N, C-alpha and C. Protein backbone atom coordinates (compact mmCIF):
# COMPACT_ATOMS: atom_id res chain seq x y z
N UNK A 1 9.22 -25.54 10.15
CA UNK A 1 8.53 -25.62 8.87
C UNK A 1 8.58 -24.28 8.21
N UNK A 2 9.10 -24.19 7.02
CA UNK A 2 9.22 -22.94 6.28
C UNK A 2 8.12 -22.87 5.25
N UNK A 3 7.25 -21.87 5.36
CA UNK A 3 6.08 -21.75 4.49
C UNK A 3 6.28 -20.82 3.31
N UNK A 4 7.37 -20.06 3.24
CA UNK A 4 7.53 -19.05 2.23
C UNK A 4 8.77 -19.31 1.39
N UNK A 5 8.71 -18.91 0.13
CA UNK A 5 9.86 -18.92 -0.74
C UNK A 5 10.42 -17.52 -0.69
N UNK A 6 11.70 -17.37 -0.36
CA UNK A 6 12.27 -16.03 -0.28
C UNK A 6 13.60 -16.00 -1.02
N UNK A 7 14.00 -14.78 -1.37
CA UNK A 7 15.33 -14.58 -1.97
C UNK A 7 16.28 -14.12 -0.88
N UNK A 8 17.56 -14.34 -1.12
CA UNK A 8 18.53 -13.92 -0.10
C UNK A 8 18.80 -12.43 -0.11
N UNK A 9 18.19 -11.72 -1.03
CA UNK A 9 18.39 -10.27 -1.16
C UNK A 9 17.38 -9.47 -0.35
N UNK A 10 16.28 -10.08 0.06
CA UNK A 10 15.24 -9.37 0.79
C UNK A 10 15.50 -9.43 2.28
N UNK A 11 15.44 -8.27 2.95
CA UNK A 11 15.64 -8.23 4.41
C UNK A 11 14.32 -8.04 5.15
N UNK A 12 13.31 -7.54 4.46
CA UNK A 12 11.98 -7.37 5.06
C UNK A 12 10.92 -7.83 4.08
N UNK A 13 9.76 -8.17 4.63
CA UNK A 13 8.62 -8.57 3.76
C UNK A 13 7.36 -7.94 4.28
N UNK A 14 6.41 -7.66 3.39
CA UNK A 14 5.15 -7.02 3.80
C UNK A 14 4.20 -8.02 4.45
N UNK A 15 3.52 -7.57 5.51
CA UNK A 15 2.49 -8.38 6.19
C UNK A 15 1.22 -7.58 6.05
N UNK A 16 0.19 -8.16 5.48
CA UNK A 16 -1.07 -7.48 5.21
C UNK A 16 -2.09 -7.81 6.31
N UNK A 17 -2.77 -6.81 6.84
CA UNK A 17 -3.77 -6.97 7.89
C UNK A 17 -5.14 -6.65 7.25
N UNK A 18 -5.89 -7.71 6.89
CA UNK A 18 -7.15 -7.55 6.19
C UNK A 18 -8.21 -6.86 7.05
N UNK A 19 -8.07 -6.85 8.36
CA UNK A 19 -9.01 -6.15 9.23
C UNK A 19 -8.89 -4.65 9.09
N UNK A 20 -7.69 -4.13 8.77
CA UNK A 20 -7.50 -2.72 8.55
C UNK A 20 -7.69 -2.28 7.11
N UNK A 21 -7.57 -3.20 6.20
CA UNK A 21 -7.58 -2.91 4.77
C UNK A 21 -8.98 -2.49 4.29
N UNK A 22 -9.01 -1.41 3.49
CA UNK A 22 -10.27 -0.95 2.90
C UNK A 22 -10.32 -1.29 1.40
N UNK A 23 -9.40 -2.10 0.93
CA UNK A 23 -9.35 -2.59 -0.47
C UNK A 23 -9.27 -1.45 -1.48
N UNK A 24 -8.53 -0.38 -1.13
CA UNK A 24 -8.39 0.76 -2.06
C UNK A 24 -7.51 0.42 -3.27
N UNK A 25 -6.61 -0.54 -3.12
CA UNK A 25 -5.77 -0.95 -4.24
C UNK A 25 -4.49 -0.15 -4.40
N UNK A 26 -4.18 0.79 -3.49
CA UNK A 26 -2.97 1.59 -3.61
C UNK A 26 -1.74 0.69 -3.60
N UNK A 27 -1.73 -0.33 -2.77
CA UNK A 27 -0.59 -1.25 -2.72
C UNK A 27 -0.39 -1.92 -4.08
N UNK A 28 -1.48 -2.31 -4.70
CA UNK A 28 -1.44 -2.94 -6.00
C UNK A 28 -0.94 -1.98 -7.09
N UNK A 29 -1.39 -0.72 -7.01
CA UNK A 29 -1.01 0.27 -8.01
C UNK A 29 0.45 0.69 -7.90
N UNK A 30 0.95 0.88 -6.67
CA UNK A 30 2.25 1.48 -6.46
C UNK A 30 3.39 0.47 -6.32
N UNK A 31 3.11 -0.80 -6.22
CA UNK A 31 4.18 -1.83 -6.09
C UNK A 31 5.07 -1.80 -7.33
N UNK A 32 6.37 -1.43 -7.21
CA UNK A 32 7.21 -1.32 -8.40
C UNK A 32 7.33 -2.61 -9.19
N UNK A 33 7.59 -3.77 -8.59
CA UNK A 33 7.67 -4.97 -9.42
C UNK A 33 6.32 -5.64 -9.66
N UNK A 34 5.25 -5.00 -9.24
CA UNK A 34 3.87 -5.49 -9.41
C UNK A 34 3.70 -6.91 -8.87
N UNK A 35 4.14 -7.10 -7.61
CA UNK A 35 4.00 -8.40 -6.97
C UNK A 35 2.87 -8.44 -5.97
N UNK A 36 2.07 -7.39 -5.86
CA UNK A 36 0.86 -7.39 -5.02
C UNK A 36 -0.27 -8.00 -5.86
N UNK A 37 -0.87 -9.03 -5.33
CA UNK A 37 -1.91 -9.80 -6.07
C UNK A 37 -3.17 -9.88 -5.23
N UNK A 38 -4.26 -10.30 -5.85
CA UNK A 38 -5.51 -10.52 -5.13
C UNK A 38 -5.36 -11.62 -4.10
N UNK A 39 -5.92 -11.42 -2.93
CA UNK A 39 -5.96 -12.42 -1.90
C UNK A 39 -7.02 -13.47 -2.28
N UNK A 40 -7.03 -14.56 -1.56
CA UNK A 40 -7.96 -15.67 -1.89
C UNK A 40 -9.42 -15.21 -1.74
N UNK A 41 -9.69 -14.21 -0.88
CA UNK A 41 -11.10 -13.76 -0.69
C UNK A 41 -11.59 -12.90 -1.85
N UNK A 42 -10.69 -12.49 -2.76
CA UNK A 42 -11.12 -11.69 -3.92
C UNK A 42 -11.36 -10.23 -3.59
N UNK A 43 -11.17 -9.82 -2.37
CA UNK A 43 -11.39 -8.43 -1.97
C UNK A 43 -10.08 -7.74 -1.60
N UNK A 44 -9.29 -8.43 -0.80
CA UNK A 44 -8.07 -7.86 -0.29
C UNK A 44 -6.87 -8.27 -1.16
N UNK A 45 -5.68 -7.83 -0.70
CA UNK A 45 -4.48 -8.10 -1.44
C UNK A 45 -3.45 -8.79 -0.59
N UNK A 46 -2.44 -9.34 -1.23
CA UNK A 46 -1.32 -9.97 -0.56
C UNK A 46 -0.10 -9.82 -1.48
N UNK A 47 1.07 -10.05 -0.95
CA UNK A 47 2.30 -9.97 -1.75
C UNK A 47 2.65 -11.37 -2.25
N UNK A 48 3.04 -11.44 -3.51
CA UNK A 48 3.61 -12.69 -4.04
C UNK A 48 5.05 -12.68 -3.62
N UNK A 49 5.36 -13.43 -2.55
CA UNK A 49 6.68 -13.37 -1.97
C UNK A 49 7.74 -14.04 -2.79
N UNK A 50 7.38 -14.70 -3.87
CA UNK A 50 8.38 -15.25 -4.81
C UNK A 50 9.05 -14.10 -5.56
N UNK A 51 8.34 -12.95 -5.70
CA UNK A 51 8.82 -11.84 -6.49
C UNK A 51 9.03 -10.53 -5.68
N UNK A 52 8.50 -10.46 -4.48
CA UNK A 52 8.59 -9.25 -3.67
C UNK A 52 10.06 -8.94 -3.34
N UNK A 53 10.44 -7.66 -3.54
CA UNK A 53 11.78 -7.22 -3.24
C UNK A 53 11.95 -6.66 -1.84
N UNK A 54 10.81 -6.49 -1.12
CA UNK A 54 10.89 -5.99 0.25
C UNK A 54 11.15 -4.49 0.33
N UNK A 55 10.81 -3.75 -0.71
CA UNK A 55 11.13 -2.30 -0.75
C UNK A 55 10.24 -1.47 0.21
N UNK A 56 9.06 -1.95 0.54
CA UNK A 56 8.21 -1.25 1.46
C UNK A 56 7.32 -0.17 0.87
N UNK A 57 7.33 -0.01 -0.46
CA UNK A 57 6.48 1.00 -1.07
C UNK A 57 5.00 0.73 -0.76
N UNK A 58 4.58 -0.52 -0.79
CA UNK A 58 3.20 -0.85 -0.47
C UNK A 58 2.81 -0.37 0.91
N UNK A 59 3.66 -0.60 1.90
CA UNK A 59 3.40 -0.18 3.27
C UNK A 59 3.35 1.33 3.40
N UNK A 60 4.25 2.01 2.72
CA UNK A 60 4.24 3.50 2.77
C UNK A 60 3.04 4.12 2.12
N UNK A 61 2.52 3.51 1.06
CA UNK A 61 1.39 4.05 0.33
C UNK A 61 0.04 3.70 0.94
N UNK A 62 -0.01 2.73 1.82
CA UNK A 62 -1.31 2.27 2.37
C UNK A 62 -1.88 3.35 3.32
N UNK A 63 -3.03 3.93 2.96
CA UNK A 63 -3.62 4.98 3.79
C UNK A 63 -4.17 4.51 5.12
N UNK A 64 -4.41 3.23 5.27
CA UNK A 64 -4.98 2.65 6.49
C UNK A 64 -3.94 2.04 7.41
N UNK A 65 -2.69 1.96 6.97
CA UNK A 65 -1.68 1.32 7.80
C UNK A 65 -1.87 -0.18 7.92
N UNK A 66 -2.47 -0.76 6.87
CA UNK A 66 -2.80 -2.18 6.90
C UNK A 66 -1.61 -3.09 6.50
N UNK A 67 -0.51 -2.47 6.08
CA UNK A 67 0.64 -3.25 5.68
C UNK A 67 1.83 -2.80 6.57
N UNK A 68 2.45 -3.76 7.15
CA UNK A 68 3.67 -3.50 7.93
C UNK A 68 4.80 -4.35 7.35
N UNK A 69 6.02 -3.90 7.56
CA UNK A 69 7.19 -4.64 7.08
C UNK A 69 7.74 -5.44 8.27
N UNK A 70 7.86 -6.75 8.06
CA UNK A 70 8.41 -7.62 9.08
C UNK A 70 9.81 -8.10 8.67
N UNK A 71 10.72 -8.27 9.59
CA UNK A 71 12.04 -8.75 9.26
C UNK A 71 11.93 -10.13 8.59
N UNK A 72 12.70 -10.32 7.53
CA UNK A 72 12.72 -11.61 6.87
C UNK A 72 13.22 -12.65 7.86
N UNK A 73 12.56 -13.77 7.89
CA UNK A 73 12.89 -14.85 8.83
C UNK A 73 11.95 -14.91 10.00
N UNK A 74 11.09 -13.89 10.18
CA UNK A 74 10.06 -13.92 11.22
C UNK A 74 8.78 -14.42 10.57
N UNK A 75 8.51 -15.70 10.73
CA UNK A 75 7.35 -16.29 10.06
C UNK A 75 6.20 -16.57 11.03
N UNK A 76 6.18 -15.91 12.17
CA UNK A 76 5.16 -16.21 13.17
C UNK A 76 3.76 -15.93 12.65
N UNK A 77 3.59 -15.01 11.72
CA UNK A 77 2.26 -14.70 11.18
C UNK A 77 1.90 -15.56 9.99
N UNK A 78 2.84 -16.30 9.43
CA UNK A 78 2.59 -17.00 8.17
C UNK A 78 2.29 -18.49 8.30
N UNK A 79 2.71 -19.09 9.38
CA UNK A 79 2.57 -20.53 9.52
C UNK A 79 1.62 -20.86 10.68
N UNK A 80 0.42 -21.26 10.38
CA UNK A 80 -0.51 -21.61 11.44
C UNK A 80 0.03 -22.84 12.22
N UNK A 81 -0.18 -22.82 13.49
CA UNK A 81 0.31 -23.90 14.34
C UNK A 81 -0.49 -25.16 14.17
């Protein structure tokens, strides 16, 4: 079961860890294509994977290390069993 829409140009995608996130918004501010959006909880953020280029700027700018880059095709964190 594939839960994400991806482009064939992206090799990595951001994975957000809300337990580490302090909701500073740096990922939202520094994302070049502005594909970081509010999470459903209204406090944290997530990537709109329809537009994410996989550049990793969000992960590099996160002061808490709450964003990691996962290889595209590894959906173990995205699809609940």
